[in-house]
Amino acid sequence: MKLVAEAVLPLFALILAGYVCGWRGLFGPGATNALNLFVVWLALPALLFQALAEARWYELDRPAFVAAIALGMLATFVPWVAMARRRKPLPDASIEALAASYPNTGFMGIPLCLAVFGRAGLQPAIIATILTACLLFGLSLALIEIGLQPGRATGGAIAKAAVTLARNPLLVAPALGALFAIAHIPRPAPLTRFLSLLGGAASPCALVTIGLFLAQNRGVGDDGRSGAHHQTRVDVARILAIVALKMLVQPLVTGVLVFAVFDLPRPWSTAALLLSALPIGTGPFMLAKLYDREAAVTSRAILLSTVVSLLTTSLLVAWMARG
């Protein structure tokens, strides 16, 4: 419980601080978007670049870890798309499936792994973040484009999704960091200090952003507007099913793979389980708003999974400490 108190509770305290500030409107209506952009375009890319540029590559050669994380995600994404596609358009089914499989590895997983495992926890968290951004986000984007333009060739939709991903700073930054490491490009001391200062802001700002996001979207209705009379239209059963898939099925599948199927060192196997058990990230909601699709289910699933994760994450960390 000491590890839980020292590693987990401060993270959720930052989320709570962001929630209270958002609920009270202390930062103004544009604070969530501004802070989110700061994290996505500056702070988190700096952290990812620095980590990959300093990585020892033999430590990142973990195909079993990649397979476990990827298969755990697909184990909840694919069935939901197949099931939801029968009664919903493909874009909406894809966004809901993304919510059922999208762990918050960037905003929450990186600070949590750093707190629990130290600097060694950064490598599995970064790999999981890249998989989430590439595999899940790319797959969902491609399905959305295919669903919105049924007459368009599948290759065109996939190409458009690939272009979108290629512009993602959370992919570009670690790729550049890997290039620096492979080519042994020296980094001047001022650059290293700049990236360290910027990357150090990633974790606290990301966690506060989650709280602001949850406060801002706690009353979003099916049409994207706020109001209590819209809340009754939200399908509670769908929300509970999505949260159950994300918080129970995904970590269960990942746990079986890392402990019973693959041969992984203990820190990597426990990190895989912890990362797979994270709550839903903000990506599905952002994608729903970007394409003007239903936002209520994803926003409430994110809120519920984040609340549930306070208990589940604490239990997992306590179990790992005992192990």
Protein backbone atom coordinates (compact mmCIF):
# COMPACT_ATOMS: atom_id res chain seq x y z
CA MET A 1 0.00 0.00 0.00
CA LYS A 2 2.99 2.29 0.42
CA LEU A 3 3.72 1.96 -3.30
CA VAL A 4 0.07 2.65 -4.10
CA ALA A 5 0.13 5.76 -1.93
CA GLU A 6 3.41 7.00 -3.37
CA ALA A 7 2.95 6.08 -7.05
CA VAL A 8 -0.76 5.86 -7.86
CA LEU A 9 -2.58 8.33 -5.62
CA PRO A 10 -0.51 11.39 -6.65
CA LEU A 11 -1.37 10.68 -10.29
CA PHE A 12 -5.08 10.54 -9.59
CA ALA A 13 -4.72 13.62 -7.39
CA LEU A 14 -3.48 15.50 -10.47
CA ILE A 15 -6.47 14.25 -12.44
CA LEU A 16 -8.75 15.36 -9.62
CA ALA A 17 -7.06 18.77 -9.50
CA GLY A 18 -7.72 19.19 -13.22
CA TYR A 19 -11.32 18.06 -12.77
CA VAL A 20 -11.96 20.56 -9.98
CA CYS A 21 -10.38 23.38 -11.99
CA GLY A 22 -12.50 22.44 -15.00
CA TRP A 23 -15.66 22.12 -12.92
CA ARG A 24 -15.07 25.55 -11.37
CA GLY A 25 -14.11 27.06 -14.73
CA LEU A 26 -10.89 28.48 -13.31
CA PHE A 27 -8.92 28.25 -16.56
CA GLY A 28 -11.58 29.35 -19.03
CA PRO A 29 -13.38 27.37 -21.75
CA GLY A 30 -10.33 26.95 -24.00
CA ALA A 31 -8.00 25.55 -21.36
CA THR A 32 -8.55 21.87 -22.15
CA ASN A 33 -7.76 22.23 -25.84
CA ALA A 34 -4.78 24.50 -25.21
CA LEU A 35 -3.21 22.23 -22.59
CA ASN A 36 -3.97 19.16 -24.70
CA LEU A 37 -2.18 20.72 -27.68
CA PHE A 38 0.80 21.61 -25.49
CA VAL A 39 1.11 18.01 -24.33
CA VAL A 40 0.55 16.44 -27.76
CA TRP A 41 2.73 18.81 -29.79
CA LEU A 42 5.51 19.75 -27.36
CA ALA A 43 5.85 18.04 -23.99
CA LEU A 44 5.08 14.39 -24.81
CA PRO A 45 7.02 14.38 -28.12
CA ALA A 46 10.04 15.78 -26.27
CA LEU A 47 9.80 12.97 -23.70
CA LEU A 48 9.40 10.31 -26.41
CA PHE A 49 12.29 11.68 -28.48
CA GLN A 50 14.61 11.80 -25.48
CA ALA A 51 13.72 8.29 -24.38
CA LEU A 52 14.28 6.73 -27.81
CA ALA A 53 17.46 8.71 -28.45
CA GLU A 54 18.92 7.39 -25.18
CA ALA A 55 17.57 3.85 -25.45
CA ARG A 56 19.78 0.80 -25.65
CA TRP A 57 18.27 -1.06 -28.57
CA TYR A 58 18.74 -4.58 -27.27
CA GLU A 59 16.39 -3.61 -24.43
CA LEU A 60 13.66 -2.64 -26.92
CA ASP A 61 13.81 -5.91 -28.83
CA ARG A 62 10.69 -7.35 -27.23
CA PRO A 63 8.51 -8.94 -29.94
CA ALA A 64 6.57 -10.90 -27.32
CA PHE A 65 5.66 -7.67 -25.51
CA VAL A 66 4.53 -6.07 -28.78
CA ALA A 67 2.46 -9.14 -29.65
CA ALA A 68 0.81 -9.28 -26.22
CA ILE A 69 -0.17 -5.59 -26.24
CA ALA A 70 -1.37 -5.71 -29.86
CA LEU A 71 -3.38 -8.92 -29.46
CA GLY A 72 -4.93 -7.62 -26.25
CA MET A 73 -6.12 -4.51 -28.09
CA LEU A 74 -7.44 -6.45 -31.08
CA ALA A 75 -9.23 -8.92 -28.80
CA THR A 76 -11.65 -6.14 -27.81
CA PHE A 77 -11.56 -3.98 -30.97
CA VAL A 78 -12.43 -6.61 -33.59
CA PRO A 79 -15.41 -8.25 -31.79
CA TRP A 80 -16.99 -4.87 -31.03
CA VAL A 81 -16.73 -3.73 -34.65
CA ALA A 82 -18.28 -7.01 -35.83
CA MET A 83 -21.12 -6.79 -33.30
CA ALA A 84 -21.85 -3.05 -33.49
CA ARG A 85 -21.67 -3.02 -37.31
CA ARG A 86 -24.99 -4.91 -37.44
CA ARG A 87 -26.95 -1.99 -35.97
CA LYS A 88 -24.73 1.08 -36.48
CA PRO A 89 -22.84 2.70 -39.35
CA LEU A 90 -19.23 1.57 -39.69
CA PRO A 91 -17.75 4.94 -38.51
CA ASP A 92 -19.74 4.83 -35.24
CA ALA A 93 -18.96 1.15 -34.71
CA SER A 94 -15.26 1.88 -35.26
CA ILE A 95 -15.20 4.73 -32.73
CA GLU A 96 -16.95 2.61 -30.09
CA ALA A 97 -14.55 -0.26 -30.78
CA LEU A 98 -11.66 2.17 -30.36
CA ALA A 99 -13.05 3.12 -26.95
CA ALA A 100 -13.28 -0.55 -25.98
CA SER A 101 -9.60 -1.11 -26.75
CA TYR A 102 -7.78 2.24 -26.34
CA PRO A 103 -5.62 2.36 -23.17
CA ASN A 104 -4.51 5.79 -22.02
CA THR A 105 -0.85 4.88 -22.48
CA GLY A 106 0.41 8.37 -23.37
CA PHE A 107 -1.24 10.64 -20.84
CA MET A 108 -1.52 8.15 -17.98
CA GLY A 109 0.59 5.10 -18.80
CA ILE A 110 3.91 6.92 -19.09
CA PRO A 111 3.69 8.75 -15.73
CA LEU A 112 2.31 5.62 -14.04
CA CYS A 113 5.09 3.36 -15.35
CA LEU A 114 7.69 5.96 -14.39
CA ALA A 115 6.26 6.11 -10.87
CA VAL A 116 6.01 2.33 -10.44
CA PHE A 117 9.05 1.01 -12.34
CA GLY A 118 11.32 4.06 -12.47
CA ARG A 119 13.16 5.00 -15.65
CA ALA A 120 12.98 1.37 -16.84
CA GLY A 121 9.20 1.70 -17.10
CA LEU A 122 9.50 4.33 -19.80
CA GLN A 123 10.45 1.85 -22.54
CA PRO A 124 7.39 -0.44 -22.34
CA ALA A 125 5.13 2.59 -21.95
CA ILE A 126 6.56 4.19 -25.10
CA ILE A 127 6.20 0.98 -27.12
CA ALA A 128 2.58 0.67 -25.96
CA THR A 129 1.94 4.33 -26.83
CA ILE A 130 3.29 3.83 -30.35
CA LEU A 131 1.18 0.70 -30.81
CA THR A 132 -1.91 2.53 -29.60
CA ALA A 133 -1.29 5.46 -31.94
CA CYS A 134 -0.32 3.34 -34.96
CA LEU A 135 -2.28 0.12 -34.77
CA LEU A 136 -5.51 1.14 -33.09
CA PHE A 137 -5.81 4.73 -34.25
CA GLY A 138 -4.73 3.83 -37.78
CA LEU A 139 -7.16 0.93 -38.00
CA SER A 140 -10.03 3.03 -36.69
CA LEU A 141 -9.23 5.92 -39.04
CA ALA A 142 -9.17 3.58 -42.03
CA LEU A 143 -12.53 2.03 -41.11
CA ILE A 144 -14.10 5.46 -40.57
CA GLU A 145 -12.91 6.65 -43.98
CA ILE A 146 -14.17 3.46 -45.63
CA GLY A 147 -17.55 3.86 -43.92
CA LEU A 148 -17.91 7.53 -44.85
CA GLN A 149 -17.02 6.95 -48.50
CA PRO A 150 -18.37 3.51 -49.42
CA GLY A 151 -17.75 4.11 -53.14
CA ARG A 152 -14.11 4.95 -52.63
CA ALA A 153 -11.40 2.35 -53.03
CA THR A 154 -10.21 0.82 -49.79
CA GLY A 155 -6.63 1.69 -50.68
CA GLY A 156 -7.49 5.39 -50.81
CA ALA A 157 -9.00 5.31 -47.32
CA ILE A 158 -5.97 3.47 -45.95
CA ALA A 159 -3.62 5.94 -47.65
CA LYS A 160 -5.48 8.89 -46.11
CA ALA A 161 -5.25 7.29 -42.67
CA ALA A 162 -1.52 6.69 -43.20
CA VAL A 163 -0.96 10.35 -44.10
CA THR A 164 -2.81 11.42 -40.94
CA LEU A 165 -0.65 9.13 -38.81
CA ALA A 166 2.55 10.34 -40.48
CA ARG A 167 1.75 13.86 -39.23
CA ASN A 168 1.18 12.70 -35.66
CA PRO A 169 3.90 14.19 -33.41
CA LEU A 170 3.58 11.20 -31.06
CA LEU A 171 4.90 9.05 -33.92
CA VAL A 172 7.30 11.51 -35.54
CA ALA A 173 9.15 12.32 -32.29
CA PRO A 174 10.12 8.73 -31.32
CA ALA A 175 11.02 8.01 -34.96
CA LEU A 176 13.44 10.96 -34.93
CA GLY A 177 14.79 9.84 -31.56
CA ALA A 178 15.41 6.36 -32.98
CA LEU A 179 17.19 7.92 -35.97
CA PHE A 180 19.49 9.90 -33.66
CA ALA A 181 20.30 6.74 -31.72
CA ILE A 182 20.91 4.53 -34.76
CA ALA A 183 23.05 7.12 -36.54
CA HIS A 184 24.85 8.08 -33.30
CA ILE A 185 24.06 11.74 -33.92
CA PRO A 186 25.38 13.79 -30.98
CA ARG A 187 22.93 15.99 -29.13
CA PRO A 188 24.29 19.30 -27.85
CA ALA A 189 23.95 19.88 -24.13
CA PRO A 190 21.55 22.85 -24.57
CA LEU A 191 19.26 20.68 -26.73
CA THR A 192 19.30 17.87 -24.17
CA ARG A 193 18.50 20.31 -21.37
CA PHE A 194 15.70 21.89 -23.43
CA LEU A 195 14.13 18.50 -24.14
CA SER A 196 14.50 17.43 -20.50
CA LEU A 197 12.70 20.54 -19.26
CA LEU A 198 9.95 20.20 -21.86
CA GLY A 199 9.55 16.46 -21.37
CA GLY A 200 9.38 16.92 -17.59
CA ALA A 201 6.16 18.88 -18.06
CA ALA A 202 4.50 16.04 -20.00
CA SER A 203 3.29 13.89 -17.11
CA PRO A 204 1.73 16.51 -14.80
CA CYS A 205 0.20 18.47 -17.68
CA ALA A 206 -1.19 15.31 -19.27
CA LEU A 207 -2.85 14.22 -16.03
CA VAL A 208 -4.34 17.67 -15.38
CA THR A 209 -5.61 17.65 -18.97
CA ILE A 210 -7.45 14.38 -18.34
CA GLY A 211 -9.23 15.99 -15.37
CA LEU A 212 -10.12 19.09 -17.40
CA PHE A 213 -11.41 16.89 -20.20
CA LEU A 214 -13.60 14.82 -17.87
CA ALA A 215 -15.05 17.95 -16.28
CA GLN A 216 -15.69 19.61 -19.61
CA ASN A 217 -17.44 16.60 -21.15
CA ARG A 218 -19.33 15.27 -18.14
CA GLY A 219 -22.65 16.53 -19.57
CA VAL A 220 -22.16 15.90 -23.29
CA GLY A 221 -25.24 14.48 -24.98
CA ASP A 222 -25.70 12.42 -28.12
CA ASP A 223 -25.61 15.49 -30.32
CA GLY A 224 -22.52 16.89 -28.60
CA ARG A 225 -24.39 19.53 -26.58
CA SER A 226 -24.43 19.83 -22.81
CA GLY A 227 -27.53 19.41 -20.75
CA ALA A 228 -29.20 17.04 -18.33
CA HIS A 229 -32.08 16.25 -20.73
CA HIS A 230 -29.63 14.76 -23.21
CA GLN A 231 -28.13 12.38 -20.64
CA THR A 232 -31.21 10.14 -20.59
CA ARG A 233 -30.65 9.31 -24.25
CA VAL A 234 -27.29 7.71 -23.60
CA ASP A 235 -27.31 3.93 -23.94
CA VAL A 236 -26.14 2.81 -20.50
CA ALA A 237 -25.81 -0.81 -21.58
CA ARG A 238 -23.40 0.09 -24.37
CA ILE A 239 -21.31 2.20 -22.00
CA LEU A 240 -21.05 -0.60 -19.45
CA ALA A 241 -20.17 -3.12 -22.15
CA ILE A 242 -17.41 -0.91 -23.54
CA VAL A 243 -15.96 -0.28 -20.07
CA ALA A 244 -16.14 -4.01 -19.22
CA LEU A 245 -14.27 -4.93 -22.39
CA LYS A 246 -11.59 -2.33 -21.79
CA MET A 247 -11.12 -2.76 -18.05
CA LEU A 248 -11.66 -6.54 -17.72
CA VAL A 249 -11.34 -8.41 -21.01
CA GLN A 250 -8.31 -6.59 -22.43
CA PRO A 251 -6.10 -6.98 -19.33
CA LEU A 252 -7.29 -10.58 -18.94
CA VAL A 253 -6.24 -11.47 -22.49
CA THR A 254 -2.96 -9.58 -22.14
CA GLY A 255 -2.26 -11.16 -18.77
CA VAL A 256 -2.77 -14.68 -20.14
CA LEU A 257 -0.43 -13.92 -23.03
CA VAL A 258 2.40 -12.43 -20.97
CA PHE A 259 2.27 -14.92 -18.10
CA ALA A 260 1.17 -18.17 -19.78
CA VAL A 261 2.05 -17.94 -23.48
CA PHE A 262 5.07 -15.69 -24.00
CA ASP A 263 8.39 -15.70 -22.19
CA LEU A 264 8.91 -12.15 -20.91
CA PRO A 265 11.07 -10.79 -18.08
CA ARG A 266 9.01 -9.98 -15.02
CA PRO A 267 9.19 -6.15 -15.32
CA TRP A 268 8.01 -6.27 -18.92
CA SER A 269 5.18 -8.73 -18.24
CA THR A 270 3.84 -6.73 -15.29
CA ALA A 271 4.18 -3.49 -17.25
CA ALA A 272 2.16 -5.04 -20.10
CA LEU A 273 -0.60 -6.02 -17.70
CA LEU A 274 -0.64 -2.61 -16.05
CA LEU A 275 -0.71 -0.76 -19.38
CA SER A 276 -3.53 -2.94 -20.73
CA ALA A 277 -5.60 -2.22 -17.60
CA LEU A 278 -5.44 1.56 -18.04
CA PRO A 279 -8.70 3.48 -18.54
CA ILE A 280 -9.88 4.67 -21.95
CA GLY A 281 -7.85 7.52 -23.40
CA THR A 282 -9.33 10.67 -24.88
CA GLY A 283 -8.61 9.60 -28.47
CA PRO A 284 -12.03 8.03 -29.24
CA PHE A 285 -13.88 11.15 -28.07
CA MET A 286 -11.58 13.43 -30.09
CA LEU A 287 -12.15 11.26 -33.17
CA ALA A 288 -15.91 11.34 -32.66
CA LYS A 289 -15.85 15.13 -32.49
CA LEU A 290 -13.50 15.38 -35.49
CA TYR A 291 -15.87 13.38 -37.69
CA ASP A 292 -19.03 14.81 -36.11
CA ARG A 293 -20.23 11.42 -34.86
CA GLU A 294 -22.03 10.48 -31.64
CA ALA A 295 -19.92 11.64 -28.69
CA ALA A 296 -22.04 10.73 -25.65
CA VAL A 297 -21.17 7.05 -25.33
CA THR A 298 -17.41 7.55 -25.67
CA SER A 299 -17.27 10.52 -23.28
CA ARG A 300 -19.16 8.68 -20.55
CA ALA A 301 -17.21 5.48 -21.08
CA ILE A 302 -13.98 7.47 -20.60
CA LEU A 303 -15.31 9.04 -17.40
CA LEU A 304 -16.54 5.73 -15.95
CA SER A 305 -13.37 3.81 -16.85
CA THR A 306 -11.19 6.53 -15.28
CA VAL A 307 -13.14 6.36 -12.02
CA VAL A 308 -13.01 2.54 -12.01
CA SER A 309 -9.28 2.60 -12.73
CA LEU A 310 -8.55 4.25 -9.39
CA LEU A 311 -9.50 0.98 -7.72
CA THR A 312 -8.20 -1.45 -10.36
CA THR A 313 -4.87 0.32 -10.81
CA SER A 314 -4.31 0.49 -7.06
CA LEU A 315 -5.04 -3.24 -6.73
CA LEU A 316 -2.69 -4.10 -9.59
CA VAL A 317 0.14 -1.99 -8.20
CA ALA A 318 -0.36 -3.49 -4.73
CA TRP A 319 -0.26 -6.99 -6.24
CA MET A 320 2.92 -6.19 -8.17
CA ALA A 321 4.55 -4.81 -5.02
CA ARG A 322 3.79 -8.03 -3.16
CA GLY A 323 5.10 -10.09 -6.07
